[in-house]
Amino acid sequence: MLSDPLSDSEWSKLHSWTKSHTVAGLIFDSFSFLRDDQLPPQALRIKWAVRVDQTERHNTKMNHVIAAQYTSFTNSGLQPILQKEQAIAACYDIPMHRMSGDIDQYFENKGYAEVPIFPTRMISMSIYRLHPHENQQKRAVTLSERLLSS
């Protein structure tokens, strides 16, 4: 709990910081723990609410893409493991308020040999090795946010 309310200028700086660090939703969710005199100005709360709404819409699209990819991958005999970003969102009180930018999948065994056969409109990916000393088959695939525009 804040001992003293933030000034309008401090709230404005915090709002900018939360956007650049993709934690606007997390801070927005903390408003319910503040007294009325500790809340940001109403105009800024409205901007914050719009940002959180955009994050929720973005995450809805991401979740649809992840579900479609999972179905396509598993139907082709692959076993993707969702990592980071959306997977971590499940640890938040309100998962839809965590902003993520890409989809990271991990495949074991022969999975990386099979991934490139998927249509590029379905996945735009870069494959990279997790560690320089790891087996060639242990790599991660980052699926780009550009998927959301299709």
N, C-alpha and C. Protein backbone atom coordinates (compact mmCIF):
# COMPACT_ATOMS: atom_id res chain seq x y z
N MET A 1 0.85 -1.17 0.00
CA MET A 1 0.00 0.00 0.00
C MET A 1 0.89 1.24 0.00
N LEU A 2 0.51 2.21 -0.76
CA LEU A 2 1.26 3.47 -0.81
C LEU A 2 1.06 4.25 0.49
N SER A 3 2.15 4.80 1.01
CA SER A 3 1.99 5.63 2.21
C SER A 3 1.45 7.00 1.82
N ASP A 4 1.90 7.53 0.69
CA ASP A 4 1.41 8.81 0.18
C ASP A 4 1.00 8.63 -1.28
N PRO A 5 -0.04 9.34 -1.68
CA PRO A 5 -0.46 9.24 -3.09
C PRO A 5 0.63 9.76 -4.03
N LEU A 6 0.69 9.18 -5.21
CA LEU A 6 1.60 9.67 -6.24
C LEU A 6 1.03 10.94 -6.84
N SER A 7 1.90 11.80 -7.32
CA SER A 7 1.44 13.01 -8.01
C SER A 7 0.96 12.61 -9.41
N ASP A 8 0.25 13.50 -10.06
CA ASP A 8 -0.19 13.24 -11.44
C ASP A 8 1.00 12.98 -12.35
N SER A 9 2.08 13.73 -12.14
CA SER A 9 3.28 13.54 -12.94
C SER A 9 3.90 12.17 -12.69
N GLU A 10 3.94 11.75 -11.43
CA GLU A 10 4.49 10.43 -11.11
C GLU A 10 3.63 9.32 -11.72
N TRP A 11 2.32 9.48 -11.67
CA TRP A 11 1.43 8.49 -12.29
C TRP A 11 1.66 8.42 -13.79
N SER A 12 1.85 9.59 -14.41
CA SER A 12 2.09 9.62 -15.85
C SER A 12 3.40 8.91 -16.20
N LYS A 13 4.45 9.14 -15.42
CA LYS A 13 5.72 8.45 -15.65
C LYS A 13 5.57 6.95 -15.45
N LEU A 14 4.84 6.55 -14.41
CA LEU A 14 4.62 5.13 -14.15
C LEU A 14 3.84 4.48 -15.29
N HIS A 15 2.83 5.19 -15.80
CA HIS A 15 2.04 4.67 -16.91
C HIS A 15 2.93 4.43 -18.13
N SER A 16 3.79 5.38 -18.45
CA SER A 16 4.72 5.23 -19.59
C SER A 16 5.66 4.06 -19.35
N TRP A 17 6.18 3.95 -18.15
CA TRP A 17 7.10 2.86 -17.81
C TRP A 17 6.41 1.51 -17.96
N THR A 18 5.17 1.39 -17.49
CA THR A 18 4.47 0.09 -17.57
C THR A 18 4.23 -0.33 -19.01
N LYS A 19 3.99 0.63 -19.89
CA LYS A 19 3.80 0.29 -21.31
C LYS A 19 5.10 -0.22 -21.92
N SER A 20 6.20 0.45 -21.63
CA SER A 20 7.47 0.04 -22.23
C SER A 20 7.99 -1.27 -21.64
N HIS A 21 7.53 -1.63 -20.45
CA HIS A 21 7.95 -2.88 -19.82
C HIS A 21 6.85 -3.95 -19.87
N THR A 22 5.80 -3.69 -20.62
CA THR A 22 4.67 -4.60 -20.86
C THR A 22 4.05 -5.15 -19.58
N VAL A 23 3.94 -4.29 -18.56
CA VAL A 23 3.29 -4.69 -17.31
C VAL A 23 2.11 -3.80 -16.96
N ALA A 24 1.55 -3.12 -17.95
CA ALA A 24 0.43 -2.20 -17.69
C ALA A 24 -0.74 -2.94 -17.04
N GLY A 25 -1.03 -4.14 -17.49
CA GLY A 25 -2.14 -4.90 -16.92
C GLY A 25 -1.90 -5.28 -15.47
N LEU A 26 -0.68 -5.65 -15.16
CA LEU A 26 -0.34 -6.03 -13.79
C LEU A 26 -0.53 -4.85 -12.83
N ILE A 27 -0.05 -3.69 -13.21
CA ILE A 27 -0.20 -2.50 -12.36
C ILE A 27 -1.67 -2.09 -12.30
N PHE A 28 -2.36 -2.16 -13.42
CA PHE A 28 -3.80 -1.84 -13.46
C PHE A 28 -4.56 -2.72 -12.46
N ASP A 29 -4.20 -3.99 -12.40
CA ASP A 29 -4.87 -4.92 -11.48
C ASP A 29 -4.63 -4.56 -10.01
N SER A 30 -3.58 -3.81 -9.74
CA SER A 30 -3.28 -3.43 -8.36
C SER A 30 -4.11 -2.25 -7.87
N PHE A 31 -4.81 -1.56 -8.78
CA PHE A 31 -5.59 -0.40 -8.38
C PHE A 31 -6.63 -0.74 -7.32
N SER A 32 -7.14 -1.95 -7.34
CA SER A 32 -8.17 -2.33 -6.36
C SER A 32 -7.62 -2.36 -4.93
N PHE A 33 -6.31 -2.35 -4.78
CA PHE A 33 -5.70 -2.35 -3.45
C PHE A 33 -5.43 -0.94 -2.93
N LEU A 34 -5.71 0.06 -3.75
CA LEU A 34 -5.46 1.46 -3.37
C LEU A 34 -6.73 2.13 -2.87
N ARG A 35 -6.52 3.09 -1.99
CA ARG A 35 -7.65 3.93 -1.57
C ARG A 35 -7.99 4.88 -2.71
N ASP A 36 -9.18 5.44 -2.69
CA ASP A 36 -9.61 6.36 -3.74
C ASP A 36 -8.63 7.52 -3.92
N ASP A 37 -8.10 8.06 -2.81
CA ASP A 37 -7.19 9.20 -2.91
C ASP A 37 -5.80 8.81 -3.42
N GLN A 38 -5.54 7.51 -3.57
CA GLN A 38 -4.25 7.04 -4.07
C GLN A 38 -4.29 6.64 -5.54
N LEU A 39 -5.46 6.59 -6.12
CA LEU A 39 -5.61 6.17 -7.52
C LEU A 39 -5.07 7.23 -8.48
N PRO A 40 -4.68 6.81 -9.68
CA PRO A 40 -4.25 7.79 -10.68
C PRO A 40 -5.45 8.65 -11.11
N PRO A 41 -5.16 9.77 -11.74
CA PRO A 41 -6.26 10.63 -12.23
C PRO A 41 -7.18 9.83 -13.16
N GLN A 42 -8.46 10.19 -13.18
CA GLN A 42 -9.45 9.44 -13.95
C GLN A 42 -9.08 9.34 -15.43
N ALA A 43 -8.60 10.42 -16.02
CA ALA A 43 -8.24 10.40 -17.46
C ALA A 43 -7.15 9.36 -17.71
N LEU A 44 -6.20 9.24 -16.79
CA LEU A 44 -5.13 8.25 -16.95
C LEU A 44 -5.66 6.84 -16.71
N ARG A 45 -6.57 6.67 -15.77
CA ARG A 45 -7.18 5.35 -15.53
C ARG A 45 -7.92 4.88 -16.77
N ILE A 46 -8.55 5.80 -17.48
CA ILE A 46 -9.27 5.44 -18.71
C ILE A 46 -8.26 4.97 -19.77
N LYS A 47 -7.16 5.70 -19.93
CA LYS A 47 -6.12 5.27 -20.88
C LYS A 47 -5.59 3.90 -20.49
N TRP A 48 -5.39 3.68 -19.20
CA TRP A 48 -4.90 2.41 -18.70
C TRP A 48 -5.89 1.30 -19.02
N ALA A 49 -7.17 1.57 -18.81
CA ALA A 49 -8.21 0.57 -19.09
C ALA A 49 -8.25 0.22 -20.57
N VAL A 50 -8.06 1.22 -21.43
CA VAL A 50 -8.03 0.97 -22.88
C VAL A 50 -6.84 0.08 -23.21
N ARG A 51 -5.70 0.35 -22.61
CA ARG A 51 -4.49 -0.46 -22.85
C ARG A 51 -4.72 -1.91 -22.42
N VAL A 52 -5.34 -2.09 -21.27
CA VAL A 52 -5.61 -3.44 -20.77
C VAL A 52 -6.61 -4.16 -21.69
N ASP A 53 -7.60 -3.42 -22.18
CA ASP A 53 -8.55 -4.01 -23.13
C ASP A 53 -7.83 -4.46 -24.40
N GLN A 54 -6.90 -3.65 -24.89
CA GLN A 54 -6.12 -4.03 -26.07
C GLN A 54 -5.29 -5.28 -25.79
N THR A 55 -4.72 -5.36 -24.60
CA THR A 55 -3.94 -6.54 -24.21
C THR A 55 -4.81 -7.78 -24.20
N GLU A 56 -6.01 -7.66 -23.64
CA GLU A 56 -6.93 -8.80 -23.61
C GLU A 56 -7.29 -9.27 -25.01
N ARG A 57 -7.55 -8.32 -25.91
CA ARG A 57 -7.89 -8.68 -27.30
C ARG A 57 -6.70 -9.35 -27.99
N HIS A 58 -5.52 -8.81 -27.76
CA HIS A 58 -4.29 -9.39 -28.32
C HIS A 58 -4.13 -10.83 -27.82
N ASN A 59 -4.31 -11.03 -26.52
CA ASN A 59 -4.14 -12.37 -25.94
C ASN A 59 -5.20 -13.34 -26.44
N THR A 60 -6.39 -12.87 -26.69
CA THR A 60 -7.43 -13.73 -27.26
C THR A 60 -6.98 -14.24 -28.62
N LYS A 61 -6.45 -13.33 -29.46
CA LYS A 61 -5.94 -13.74 -30.77
C LYS A 61 -4.77 -14.71 -30.62
N MET A 62 -3.85 -14.39 -29.71
CA MET A 62 -2.70 -15.27 -29.49
C MET A 62 -3.15 -16.67 -29.09
N ASN A 63 -4.12 -16.75 -28.19
CA ASN A 63 -4.61 -18.05 -27.73
C ASN A 63 -5.25 -18.85 -28.85
N HIS A 64 -5.94 -18.17 -29.77
CA HIS A 64 -6.53 -18.86 -30.93
C HIS A 64 -5.43 -19.40 -31.84
N VAL A 65 -4.39 -18.60 -32.06
CA VAL A 65 -3.27 -19.03 -32.90
C VAL A 65 -2.57 -20.22 -32.26
N ILE A 66 -2.33 -20.14 -30.96
CA ILE A 66 -1.66 -21.23 -30.24
C ILE A 66 -2.48 -22.51 -30.35
N ALA A 67 -3.79 -22.42 -30.16
CA ALA A 67 -4.65 -23.60 -30.25
C ALA A 67 -4.61 -24.20 -31.66
N ALA A 68 -4.66 -23.33 -32.68
CA ALA A 68 -4.61 -23.83 -34.07
C ALA A 68 -3.27 -24.49 -34.37
N GLN A 69 -2.19 -23.87 -33.90
CA GLN A 69 -0.87 -24.46 -34.12
C GLN A 69 -0.74 -25.79 -33.39
N TYR A 70 -1.21 -25.83 -32.17
CA TYR A 70 -1.11 -27.07 -31.39
C TYR A 70 -1.85 -28.21 -32.11
N THR A 71 -3.05 -27.91 -32.59
CA THR A 71 -3.83 -28.91 -33.31
C THR A 71 -3.09 -29.37 -34.56
N SER A 72 -2.57 -28.43 -35.34
CA SER A 72 -1.85 -28.78 -36.56
C SER A 72 -0.59 -29.59 -36.26
N PHE A 73 0.14 -29.16 -35.27
CA PHE A 73 1.37 -29.88 -34.91
C PHE A 73 1.06 -31.29 -34.42
N THR A 74 0.11 -31.43 -33.51
CA THR A 74 -0.18 -32.76 -32.95
C THR A 74 -0.82 -33.67 -34.00
N ASN A 75 -1.63 -33.11 -34.88
CA ASN A 75 -2.21 -33.92 -35.96
C ASN A 75 -1.13 -34.44 -36.91
N SER A 76 0.01 -33.77 -36.92
CA SER A 76 1.13 -34.20 -37.76
C SER A 76 2.13 -35.06 -36.99
N GLY A 77 1.77 -35.43 -35.78
CA GLY A 77 2.63 -36.30 -34.99
C GLY A 77 3.69 -35.59 -34.16
N LEU A 78 3.65 -34.27 -34.14
CA LEU A 78 4.61 -33.52 -33.35
C LEU A 78 4.05 -33.26 -31.95
N GLN A 79 4.93 -33.04 -31.00
CA GLN A 79 4.50 -32.76 -29.63
C GLN A 79 5.13 -31.45 -29.16
N PRO A 80 4.46 -30.33 -29.48
CA PRO A 80 5.02 -29.04 -29.07
C PRO A 80 4.82 -28.80 -27.57
N ILE A 81 5.75 -28.08 -27.00
CA ILE A 81 5.64 -27.65 -25.61
C ILE A 81 5.71 -26.13 -25.61
N LEU A 82 4.63 -25.50 -25.19
CA LEU A 82 4.58 -24.04 -25.14
C LEU A 82 5.50 -23.54 -24.03
N GLN A 83 6.33 -22.55 -24.37
CA GLN A 83 7.28 -22.00 -23.40
C GLN A 83 7.12 -20.50 -23.30
N LYS A 84 7.54 -19.96 -22.18
CA LYS A 84 7.60 -18.52 -21.93
C LYS A 84 6.26 -17.84 -22.24
N GLU A 85 6.32 -16.54 -22.45
CA GLU A 85 5.20 -15.70 -22.85
C GLU A 85 3.82 -16.18 -22.38
N GLN A 86 3.02 -16.76 -23.28
CA GLN A 86 1.67 -17.19 -22.94
C GLN A 86 1.65 -18.28 -21.87
N ALA A 87 2.64 -19.13 -21.84
CA ALA A 87 2.69 -20.17 -20.81
C ALA A 87 2.86 -19.56 -19.42
N ILE A 88 3.65 -18.51 -19.32
CA ILE A 88 3.87 -17.84 -18.04
C ILE A 88 2.62 -17.08 -17.60
N ALA A 89 1.82 -16.65 -18.54
CA ALA A 89 0.62 -15.89 -18.21
C ALA A 89 -0.29 -16.66 -17.25
N ALA A 90 -0.27 -17.97 -17.32
CA ALA A 90 -1.10 -18.79 -16.43
C ALA A 90 -0.74 -18.59 -14.96
N CYS A 91 0.43 -18.05 -14.69
CA CYS A 91 0.87 -17.81 -13.31
C CYS A 91 0.32 -16.48 -12.76
N TYR A 92 -0.28 -15.67 -13.58
CA TYR A 92 -0.80 -14.37 -13.17
C TYR A 92 -2.22 -14.52 -12.63
N ASP A 93 -2.62 -13.63 -11.74
CA ASP A 93 -3.99 -13.65 -11.23
C ASP A 93 -5.00 -13.51 -12.37
N ILE A 94 -4.69 -12.62 -13.30
CA ILE A 94 -5.54 -12.42 -14.48
C ILE A 94 -4.65 -12.64 -15.71
N PRO A 95 -4.57 -13.88 -16.19
CA PRO A 95 -3.64 -14.21 -17.29
C PRO A 95 -3.80 -13.34 -18.53
N MET A 96 -5.01 -12.90 -18.83
CA MET A 96 -5.24 -12.10 -20.03
C MET A 96 -4.62 -10.70 -19.93
N HIS A 97 -4.14 -10.31 -18.75
CA HIS A 97 -3.54 -9.00 -18.58
C HIS A 97 -2.03 -9.01 -18.75
N ARG A 98 -1.46 -10.17 -19.06
CA ARG A 98 -0.02 -10.25 -19.31
C ARG A 98 0.23 -10.12 -20.81
N MET A 99 0.96 -9.11 -21.19
CA MET A 99 1.26 -8.88 -22.60
C MET A 99 2.37 -9.82 -23.05
N SER A 100 2.16 -10.44 -24.19
CA SER A 100 3.21 -11.27 -24.78
C SER A 100 3.37 -10.90 -26.24
N GLY A 101 4.51 -11.24 -26.80
CA GLY A 101 4.78 -10.81 -28.16
C GLY A 101 4.97 -11.92 -29.17
N ASP A 102 5.34 -13.10 -28.72
CA ASP A 102 5.55 -14.18 -29.67
C ASP A 102 5.16 -15.51 -29.03
N ILE A 103 5.26 -16.55 -29.81
CA ILE A 103 4.88 -17.88 -29.36
C ILE A 103 6.14 -18.74 -29.45
N ASP A 104 6.56 -19.27 -28.33
CA ASP A 104 7.76 -20.10 -28.28
C ASP A 104 7.35 -21.54 -28.06
N GLN A 105 7.73 -22.40 -28.99
CA GLN A 105 7.43 -23.83 -28.88
C GLN A 105 8.75 -24.60 -28.79
N TYR A 106 8.73 -25.66 -28.05
CA TYR A 106 9.88 -26.56 -27.96
C TYR A 106 9.44 -27.90 -28.53
N PHE A 107 10.30 -28.50 -29.36
CA PHE A 107 10.02 -29.82 -29.93
C PHE A 107 11.17 -30.75 -29.61
N GLU A 108 10.86 -31.99 -29.31
CA GLU A 108 11.90 -32.98 -29.05
C GLU A 108 12.06 -33.89 -30.26
N ASN A 109 13.14 -34.65 -30.24
CA ASN A 109 13.42 -35.69 -31.24
C ASN A 109 13.42 -35.15 -32.65
N LYS A 110 12.60 -35.73 -33.54
CA LYS A 110 12.63 -35.36 -34.95
C LYS A 110 11.74 -34.16 -35.26
N GLY A 111 11.15 -33.55 -34.26
CA GLY A 111 10.21 -32.47 -34.49
C GLY A 111 10.74 -31.33 -35.33
N TYR A 112 12.00 -30.97 -35.16
CA TYR A 112 12.54 -29.83 -35.90
C TYR A 112 12.73 -30.13 -37.37
N ALA A 113 12.88 -31.39 -37.72
CA ALA A 113 12.97 -31.76 -39.12
C ALA A 113 11.60 -31.61 -39.79
N GLU A 114 10.53 -31.77 -39.03
CA GLU A 114 9.17 -31.72 -39.58
C GLU A 114 8.57 -30.33 -39.59
N VAL A 115 8.94 -29.44 -38.67
CA VAL A 115 8.32 -28.13 -38.56
C VAL A 115 8.39 -27.33 -39.86
N PRO A 116 9.51 -27.32 -40.60
CA PRO A 116 9.56 -26.51 -41.82
C PRO A 116 8.55 -26.89 -42.90
N ILE A 117 7.87 -28.03 -42.81
CA ILE A 117 6.90 -28.39 -43.83
C ILE A 117 5.58 -27.64 -43.67
N PHE A 118 5.38 -26.95 -42.55
CA PHE A 118 4.12 -26.23 -42.34
C PHE A 118 4.09 -24.99 -43.20
N PRO A 119 2.91 -24.63 -43.70
CA PRO A 119 2.80 -23.45 -44.58
C PRO A 119 3.29 -22.18 -43.87
N THR A 120 3.96 -21.32 -44.61
CA THR A 120 4.50 -20.11 -43.98
C THR A 120 3.40 -19.18 -43.51
N ARG A 121 2.19 -19.26 -44.07
CA ARG A 121 1.12 -18.42 -43.56
C ARG A 121 0.69 -18.88 -42.18
N MET A 122 0.95 -20.14 -41.86
CA MET A 122 0.59 -20.65 -40.55
C MET A 122 1.66 -20.33 -39.51
N ILE A 123 2.92 -20.45 -39.90
CA ILE A 123 3.99 -20.13 -38.96
C ILE A 123 5.07 -19.33 -39.65
N SER A 124 5.53 -18.33 -38.98
CA SER A 124 6.70 -17.59 -39.41
C SER A 124 7.70 -17.82 -38.29
N MET A 125 8.77 -18.49 -38.57
CA MET A 125 9.59 -18.93 -37.45
C MET A 125 11.07 -18.71 -37.67
N SER A 126 11.74 -18.69 -36.57
CA SER A 126 13.19 -18.75 -36.58
C SER A 126 13.56 -19.90 -35.66
N ILE A 127 14.46 -20.75 -36.10
CA ILE A 127 14.88 -21.88 -35.30
C ILE A 127 16.28 -21.57 -34.78
N TYR A 128 16.48 -21.77 -33.51
CA TYR A 128 17.79 -21.52 -32.95
C TYR A 128 18.11 -22.61 -31.92
N ARG A 129 19.38 -22.82 -31.72
CA ARG A 129 19.81 -23.82 -30.75
C ARG A 129 19.70 -23.21 -29.36
N LEU A 130 19.27 -24.02 -28.40
CA LEU A 130 19.16 -23.53 -27.04
C LEU A 130 20.52 -23.27 -26.42
N HIS A 131 21.46 -24.17 -26.63
CA HIS A 131 22.80 -24.03 -26.09
C HIS A 131 23.78 -24.53 -27.15
N PRO A 132 24.94 -23.91 -27.27
CA PRO A 132 25.88 -24.33 -28.32
C PRO A 132 26.34 -25.78 -28.18
N HIS A 133 26.30 -26.34 -26.98
CA HIS A 133 26.78 -27.71 -26.77
C HIS A 133 25.68 -28.75 -26.80
N GLU A 134 24.45 -28.32 -27.09
CA GLU A 134 23.32 -29.24 -27.07
C GLU A 134 23.25 -30.04 -28.36
N ASN A 135 22.59 -31.16 -28.28
CA ASN A 135 22.30 -32.00 -29.42
C ASN A 135 21.56 -31.17 -30.47
N GLN A 136 21.84 -31.41 -31.74
CA GLN A 136 21.21 -30.67 -32.84
C GLN A 136 19.69 -30.74 -32.81
N GLN A 137 19.12 -31.81 -32.24
CA GLN A 137 17.66 -31.96 -32.23
C GLN A 137 16.98 -31.15 -31.14
N LYS A 138 17.71 -30.62 -30.20
CA LYS A 138 17.10 -29.82 -29.14
C LYS A 138 17.22 -28.35 -29.51
N ARG A 139 16.18 -27.82 -30.09
CA ARG A 139 16.14 -26.43 -30.49
C ARG A 139 14.78 -25.86 -30.11
N ALA A 140 14.65 -24.58 -30.22
CA ALA A 140 13.37 -23.94 -29.92
C ALA A 140 12.91 -23.19 -31.16
N VAL A 141 11.62 -23.06 -31.29
CA VAL A 141 11.04 -22.33 -32.41
C VAL A 141 10.29 -21.13 -31.86
N THR A 142 10.60 -19.97 -32.36
CA THR A 142 9.87 -18.77 -31.98
C THR A 142 8.93 -18.43 -33.13
N LEU A 143 7.66 -18.40 -32.84
CA LEU A 143 6.65 -18.13 -33.85
C LEU A 143 6.24 -16.67 -33.70
N SER A 144 6.39 -15.94 -34.75
CA SER A 144 6.29 -14.48 -34.71
C SER A 144 4.89 -13.96 -34.48
N GLU A 145 4.83 -12.76 -33.91
CA GLU A 145 3.57 -12.08 -33.68
C GLU A 145 2.88 -11.74 -35.01
N ARG A 146 3.63 -11.75 -36.10
CA ARG A 146 3.03 -11.48 -37.41
C ARG A 146 1.92 -12.45 -37.73
N LEU A 147 1.88 -13.58 -37.05
CA LEU A 147 0.81 -14.55 -37.26
C LEU A 147 -0.55 -13.94 -36.97
N LEU A 148 -0.57 -12.99 -36.06
CA LEU A 148 -1.85 -12.43 -35.62
C LEU A 148 -2.51 -11.57 -36.68
N SER A 149 -1.75 -11.11 -37.66
CA SER A 149 -2.33 -10.24 -38.66
C SER A 149 -3.06 -11.01 -39.75
N SER A 150 -2.90 -12.33 -39.80
CA SER A 150 -3.58 -13.10 -40.85
C SER A 150 -4.93 -13.58 -40.43
